[in-house]
Amino acid sequence: MEVRAVGRFLRVSPRKARAVVDLIRGRTYREALTILSLTPRRVCEDIEKIVRSAGANAQNNYSLDPEDMIVAEVYVDEGATLKRIRPRARGMASRIRKRTSHVTVVLREQD
């Protein structure tokens, strides 16, 4: 049985989020939460919340124990980009791109 949770429009670039999700792919549910709580990156809080949400979905919707599950899939897709303008020298302007991410976590029962 697979259980999923999706976090959309996280205010972090996909490249930075992918560096964190690579740490938890294939780990058990408990290991993933431990790694995320000890990793000093801002995005870890958001990803930990999504992993906990997937565990809650397993428990409440399918009556499964999240402790017996592994993080089978976790991936980051690019979300909408917020475009801002920053004034520059000599009356010019440059564009600031504030990127967002969509994070998907899939938990699967251990064999």
N, C-alpha and C. Protein backbone atom coordinates (compact mmCIF):
# COMPACT_ATOMS: atom_id res chain seq x y z
N MET A 1 0.85 -1.18 0.00
CA MET A 1 0.00 0.00 0.00
C MET A 1 0.90 1.24 0.00
N GLU A 2 0.56 2.18 -0.84
CA GLU A 2 1.30 3.45 -0.92
C GLU A 2 0.46 4.57 -0.37
N VAL A 3 1.11 5.46 0.34
CA VAL A 3 0.46 6.63 0.91
C VAL A 3 1.28 7.83 0.50
N ARG A 4 0.60 8.91 0.09
CA ARG A 4 1.35 10.08 -0.37
C ARG A 4 0.89 11.35 0.31
N ALA A 5 1.79 12.33 0.31
CA ALA A 5 1.47 13.68 0.79
C ALA A 5 2.25 14.65 -0.09
N VAL A 6 1.63 15.77 -0.40
CA VAL A 6 2.24 16.76 -1.30
C VAL A 6 2.25 18.11 -0.61
N GLY A 7 3.40 18.76 -0.66
CA GLY A 7 3.52 20.14 -0.20
C GLY A 7 3.74 21.02 -1.40
N ARG A 8 2.87 22.00 -1.61
CA ARG A 8 2.96 22.81 -2.82
C ARG A 8 3.34 24.24 -2.49
N PHE A 9 4.01 24.87 -3.42
CA PHE A 9 4.41 26.28 -3.35
C PHE A 9 5.28 26.59 -2.13
N LEU A 10 6.22 25.70 -1.82
CA LEU A 10 7.17 25.96 -0.75
C LEU A 10 8.13 27.03 -1.24
N ARG A 11 8.43 28.01 -0.41
CA ARG A 11 9.28 29.13 -0.83
C ARG A 11 10.76 28.78 -0.68
N VAL A 12 11.20 27.82 -1.46
CA VAL A 12 12.60 27.44 -1.53
C VAL A 12 12.85 26.96 -2.95
N SER A 13 14.05 27.19 -3.44
CA SER A 13 14.33 26.76 -4.81
C SER A 13 14.38 25.23 -4.87
N PRO A 14 13.96 24.65 -5.98
CA PRO A 14 13.97 23.19 -6.11
C PRO A 14 15.36 22.59 -5.93
N ARG A 15 16.37 23.30 -6.36
CA ARG A 15 17.73 22.78 -6.25
C ARG A 15 18.14 22.58 -4.79
N LYS A 16 17.77 23.54 -3.94
CA LYS A 16 18.10 23.42 -2.52
C LYS A 16 17.27 22.34 -1.85
N ALA A 17 16.02 22.19 -2.25
CA ALA A 17 15.15 21.16 -1.66
C ALA A 17 15.61 19.76 -2.08
N ARG A 18 16.09 19.61 -3.31
CA ARG A 18 16.53 18.29 -3.78
C ARG A 18 17.74 17.79 -2.99
N ALA A 19 18.59 18.71 -2.54
CA ALA A 19 19.76 18.31 -1.75
C ALA A 19 19.32 17.66 -0.44
N VAL A 20 18.19 18.08 0.10
CA VAL A 20 17.69 17.52 1.36
C VAL A 20 16.92 16.23 1.13
N VAL A 21 16.06 16.18 0.11
CA VAL A 21 15.25 14.97 -0.08
C VAL A 21 16.11 13.78 -0.49
N ASP A 22 17.28 14.03 -1.07
CA ASP A 22 18.17 12.92 -1.41
C ASP A 22 18.67 12.20 -0.16
N LEU A 23 18.68 12.90 0.99
CA LEU A 23 19.15 12.30 2.24
C LEU A 23 18.16 11.27 2.79
N ILE A 24 16.86 11.43 2.50
CA ILE A 24 15.86 10.57 3.14
C ILE A 24 15.26 9.52 2.22
N ARG A 25 15.57 9.56 0.95
CA ARG A 25 15.00 8.59 0.01
C ARG A 25 15.46 7.18 0.37
N GLY A 26 14.48 6.25 0.53
CA GLY A 26 14.80 4.86 0.84
C GLY A 26 14.95 4.57 2.32
N ARG A 27 14.83 5.57 3.17
CA ARG A 27 14.98 5.37 4.62
C ARG A 27 13.64 4.99 5.25
N THR A 28 13.69 4.49 6.47
CA THR A 28 12.45 4.22 7.19
C THR A 28 11.83 5.55 7.62
N TYR A 29 10.58 5.48 7.99
CA TYR A 29 9.86 6.69 8.42
C TYR A 29 10.56 7.36 9.59
N ARG A 30 10.94 6.58 10.61
CA ARG A 30 11.58 7.13 11.81
C ARG A 30 12.96 7.70 11.48
N GLU A 31 13.75 7.00 10.65
CA GLU A 31 15.07 7.50 10.24
C GLU A 31 14.95 8.81 9.49
N ALA A 32 13.97 8.90 8.61
CA ALA A 32 13.78 10.12 7.82
C ALA A 32 13.48 11.31 8.73
N LEU A 33 12.62 11.11 9.72
CA LEU A 33 12.30 12.21 10.64
C LEU A 33 13.52 12.61 11.46
N THR A 34 14.33 11.63 11.87
CA THR A 34 15.54 11.94 12.64
C THR A 34 16.53 12.73 11.80
N ILE A 35 16.75 12.30 10.56
CA ILE A 35 17.68 13.00 9.67
C ILE A 35 17.21 14.43 9.44
N LEU A 36 15.92 14.60 9.19
CA LEU A 36 15.40 15.95 8.91
C LEU A 36 15.50 16.85 10.13
N SER A 37 15.31 16.30 11.33
CA SER A 37 15.38 17.14 12.53
C SER A 37 16.82 17.55 12.84
N LEU A 38 17.81 16.79 12.37
CA LEU A 38 19.21 17.09 12.67
C LEU A 38 19.94 17.81 11.55
N THR A 39 19.33 17.96 10.39
CA THR A 39 19.98 18.63 9.26
C THR A 39 19.75 20.14 9.37
N PRO A 40 20.81 20.94 9.33
CA PRO A 40 20.67 22.39 9.54
C PRO A 40 20.32 23.16 8.26
N ARG A 41 19.20 22.85 7.66
CA ARG A 41 18.72 23.57 6.49
C ARG A 41 17.31 24.05 6.77
N ARG A 42 16.97 25.23 6.26
CA ARG A 42 15.65 25.80 6.52
C ARG A 42 14.54 24.95 5.93
N VAL A 43 14.76 24.36 4.78
CA VAL A 43 13.73 23.58 4.09
C VAL A 43 13.41 22.28 4.83
N CYS A 44 14.27 21.84 5.74
CA CYS A 44 14.04 20.59 6.47
C CYS A 44 12.75 20.64 7.27
N GLU A 45 12.39 21.80 7.81
CA GLU A 45 11.16 21.92 8.59
C GLU A 45 9.95 21.64 7.70
N ASP A 46 9.95 22.19 6.51
CA ASP A 46 8.83 21.98 5.59
C ASP A 46 8.74 20.52 5.14
N ILE A 47 9.87 19.92 4.82
CA ILE A 47 9.88 18.53 4.35
C ILE A 47 9.49 17.60 5.49
N GLU A 48 9.95 17.89 6.71
CA GLU A 48 9.55 17.07 7.85
C GLU A 48 8.04 17.11 8.05
N LYS A 49 7.46 18.28 7.85
CA LYS A 49 6.02 18.43 7.98
C LYS A 49 5.28 17.57 6.95
N ILE A 50 5.81 17.49 5.73
CA ILE A 50 5.19 16.71 4.67
C ILE A 50 5.33 15.21 4.98
N VAL A 51 6.49 14.79 5.49
CA VAL A 51 6.69 13.38 5.84
C VAL A 51 5.73 12.99 6.96
N ARG A 52 5.58 13.86 7.97
CA ARG A 52 4.64 13.58 9.06
C ARG A 52 3.20 13.52 8.54
N SER A 53 2.88 14.36 7.55
CA SER A 53 1.55 14.36 6.96
C SER A 53 1.29 13.03 6.24
N ALA A 54 2.29 12.52 5.54
CA ALA A 54 2.14 11.23 4.87
C ALA A 54 1.92 10.12 5.90
N GLY A 55 2.65 10.19 7.04
CA GLY A 55 2.45 9.21 8.11
C GLY A 55 1.05 9.30 8.70
N ALA A 56 0.56 10.53 8.87
CA ALA A 56 -0.80 10.72 9.40
C ALA A 56 -1.84 10.21 8.41
N ASN A 57 -1.59 10.42 7.11
CA ASN A 57 -2.51 9.88 6.09
C ASN A 57 -2.56 8.36 6.17
N ALA A 58 -1.40 7.73 6.37
CA ALA A 58 -1.35 6.27 6.46
C ALA A 58 -2.15 5.79 7.67
N GLN A 59 -1.99 6.48 8.78
CA GLN A 59 -2.65 6.06 10.01
C GLN A 59 -4.15 6.31 9.97
N ASN A 60 -4.56 7.50 9.54
CA ASN A 60 -5.97 7.88 9.61
C ASN A 60 -6.81 7.36 8.45
N ASN A 61 -6.24 7.34 7.25
CA ASN A 61 -7.02 6.95 6.08
C ASN A 61 -6.97 5.46 5.78
N TYR A 62 -5.85 4.80 6.14
CA TYR A 62 -5.69 3.39 5.76
C TYR A 62 -5.43 2.48 6.96
N SER A 63 -5.44 3.00 8.18
CA SER A 63 -5.19 2.24 9.40
C SER A 63 -3.88 1.47 9.36
N LEU A 64 -2.84 2.11 8.83
CA LEU A 64 -1.50 1.53 8.77
C LEU A 64 -0.63 2.19 9.83
N ASP A 65 0.39 1.49 10.28
CA ASP A 65 1.34 2.05 11.24
C ASP A 65 2.47 2.71 10.46
N PRO A 66 2.66 4.02 10.59
CA PRO A 66 3.73 4.68 9.84
C PRO A 66 5.13 4.21 10.23
N GLU A 67 5.29 3.68 11.44
CA GLU A 67 6.60 3.18 11.88
C GLU A 67 7.07 1.99 11.05
N ASP A 68 6.13 1.29 10.40
CA ASP A 68 6.47 0.13 9.58
C ASP A 68 6.63 0.48 8.11
N MET A 69 6.78 1.76 7.79
CA MET A 69 6.83 2.19 6.40
C MET A 69 8.19 2.80 6.07
N ILE A 70 8.51 2.80 4.76
CA ILE A 70 9.73 3.44 4.29
C ILE A 70 9.35 4.58 3.34
N VAL A 71 10.27 5.51 3.18
CA VAL A 71 10.09 6.60 2.23
C VAL A 71 10.48 6.04 0.86
N ALA A 72 9.49 5.54 0.14
CA ALA A 72 9.75 4.86 -1.13
C ALA A 72 10.14 5.86 -2.22
N GLU A 73 9.40 6.95 -2.30
CA GLU A 73 9.68 7.97 -3.30
C GLU A 73 9.59 9.33 -2.63
N VAL A 74 10.46 10.22 -3.02
CA VAL A 74 10.35 11.61 -2.62
C VAL A 74 11.01 12.42 -3.73
N TYR A 75 10.27 13.37 -4.26
CA TYR A 75 10.83 14.17 -5.35
C TYR A 75 10.33 15.60 -5.27
N VAL A 76 11.08 16.48 -5.92
CA VAL A 76 10.81 17.92 -5.89
C VAL A 76 10.61 18.39 -7.31
N ASP A 77 9.48 19.04 -7.55
CA ASP A 77 9.20 19.65 -8.84
C ASP A 77 9.22 21.16 -8.69
N GLU A 78 9.44 21.84 -9.79
CA GLU A 78 9.48 23.30 -9.76
C GLU A 78 8.06 23.85 -9.77
N GLY A 79 7.81 24.81 -8.89
CA GLY A 79 6.51 25.47 -8.83
C GLY A 79 6.55 26.79 -9.58
N ALA A 80 5.56 27.62 -9.33
CA ALA A 80 5.49 28.94 -9.96
C ALA A 80 6.65 29.81 -9.46
N THR A 81 7.14 30.67 -10.32
CA THR A 81 8.22 31.59 -9.96
C THR A 81 7.65 32.99 -9.78
N LEU A 82 7.91 33.58 -8.62
CA LEU A 82 7.49 34.96 -8.36
C LEU A 82 8.54 35.89 -8.95
N LYS A 83 8.10 36.84 -9.76
CA LYS A 83 9.04 37.74 -10.42
C LYS A 83 8.97 39.11 -9.77
N ARG A 84 10.13 39.61 -9.35
CA ARG A 84 10.23 40.90 -8.70
C ARG A 84 11.25 41.76 -9.44
N ILE A 85 11.18 43.06 -9.24
CA ILE A 85 12.10 43.98 -9.89
C ILE A 85 12.97 44.66 -8.84
N ARG A 86 14.28 44.75 -9.11
CA ARG A 86 15.21 45.41 -8.22
C ARG A 86 15.85 46.57 -8.96
N PRO A 87 15.78 47.79 -8.40
CA PRO A 87 16.42 48.94 -9.05
C PRO A 87 17.93 48.77 -9.10
N ARG A 88 18.53 49.19 -10.21
CA ARG A 88 19.97 49.11 -10.40
C ARG A 88 20.51 50.49 -10.77
N ALA A 89 21.78 50.53 -11.00
CA ALA A 89 22.45 51.80 -11.32
C ALA A 89 22.00 52.35 -12.67
N ARG A 90 22.09 53.65 -12.83
CA ARG A 90 21.80 54.37 -14.09
C ARG A 90 20.36 54.14 -14.55
N GLY A 91 19.42 54.04 -13.62
CA GLY A 91 18.01 53.95 -13.98
C GLY A 91 17.56 52.61 -14.52
N MET A 92 18.42 51.61 -14.45
CA MET A 92 18.04 50.30 -14.97
C MET A 92 17.37 49.47 -13.87
N ALA A 93 16.89 48.32 -14.26
CA ALA A 93 16.28 47.40 -13.30
C ALA A 93 16.70 45.99 -13.67
N SER A 94 16.74 45.13 -12.68
CA SER A 94 17.03 43.72 -12.94
C SER A 94 15.95 42.88 -12.29
N ARG A 95 15.75 41.72 -12.82
CA ARG A 95 14.69 40.85 -12.35
C ARG A 95 15.21 39.92 -11.25
N ILE A 96 14.43 39.79 -10.19
CA ILE A 96 14.69 38.84 -9.12
C ILE A 96 13.67 37.72 -9.27
N ARG A 97 14.14 36.48 -9.33
CA ARG A 97 13.24 35.34 -9.45
C ARG A 97 13.18 34.61 -8.11
N LYS A 98 12.01 34.60 -7.51
CA LYS A 98 11.81 33.89 -6.24
C LYS A 98 11.13 32.57 -6.57
N ARG A 99 11.89 31.52 -6.50
CA ARG A 99 11.42 30.22 -6.95
C ARG A 99 10.63 29.49 -5.86
N THR A 100 9.71 28.64 -6.31
CA THR A 100 8.94 27.82 -5.39
C THR A 100 9.07 26.35 -5.80
N SER A 101 8.69 25.46 -4.88
CA SER A 101 8.83 24.03 -5.11
C SER A 101 7.57 23.28 -4.72
N HIS A 102 7.35 22.15 -5.37
CA HIS A 102 6.32 21.20 -4.99
C HIS A 102 7.05 19.92 -4.56
N VAL A 103 6.84 19.50 -3.31
CA VAL A 103 7.50 18.31 -2.79
C VAL A 103 6.47 17.20 -2.61
N THR A 104 6.75 16.01 -3.13
CA THR A 104 5.88 14.85 -3.02
C THR A 104 6.61 13.75 -2.26
N VAL A 105 5.96 13.21 -1.23
CA VAL A 105 6.52 12.12 -0.43
C VAL A 105 5.57 10.92 -0.54
N VAL A 106 6.12 9.76 -0.88
CA VAL A 106 5.35 8.52 -0.97
C VAL A 106 5.92 7.53 0.02
N LEU A 107 5.08 7.06 0.95
CA LEU A 107 5.46 6.03 1.91
C LEU A 107 4.90 4.69 1.45
N ARG A 108 5.70 3.63 1.65
CA ARG A 108 5.28 2.28 1.26
C ARG A 108 5.59 1.33 2.41
N GLU A 109 4.75 0.32 2.56
CA GLU A 109 4.98 -0.67 3.61
C GLU A 109 6.26 -1.44 3.32
N GLN A 110 7.00 -1.75 4.39
CA GLN A 110 8.22 -2.54 4.24
C GLN A 110 7.85 -3.98 3.91
N ASP A 111 8.69 -4.62 3.12
CA ASP A 111 8.43 -6.01 2.73
C ASP A 111 8.69 -6.97 3.85
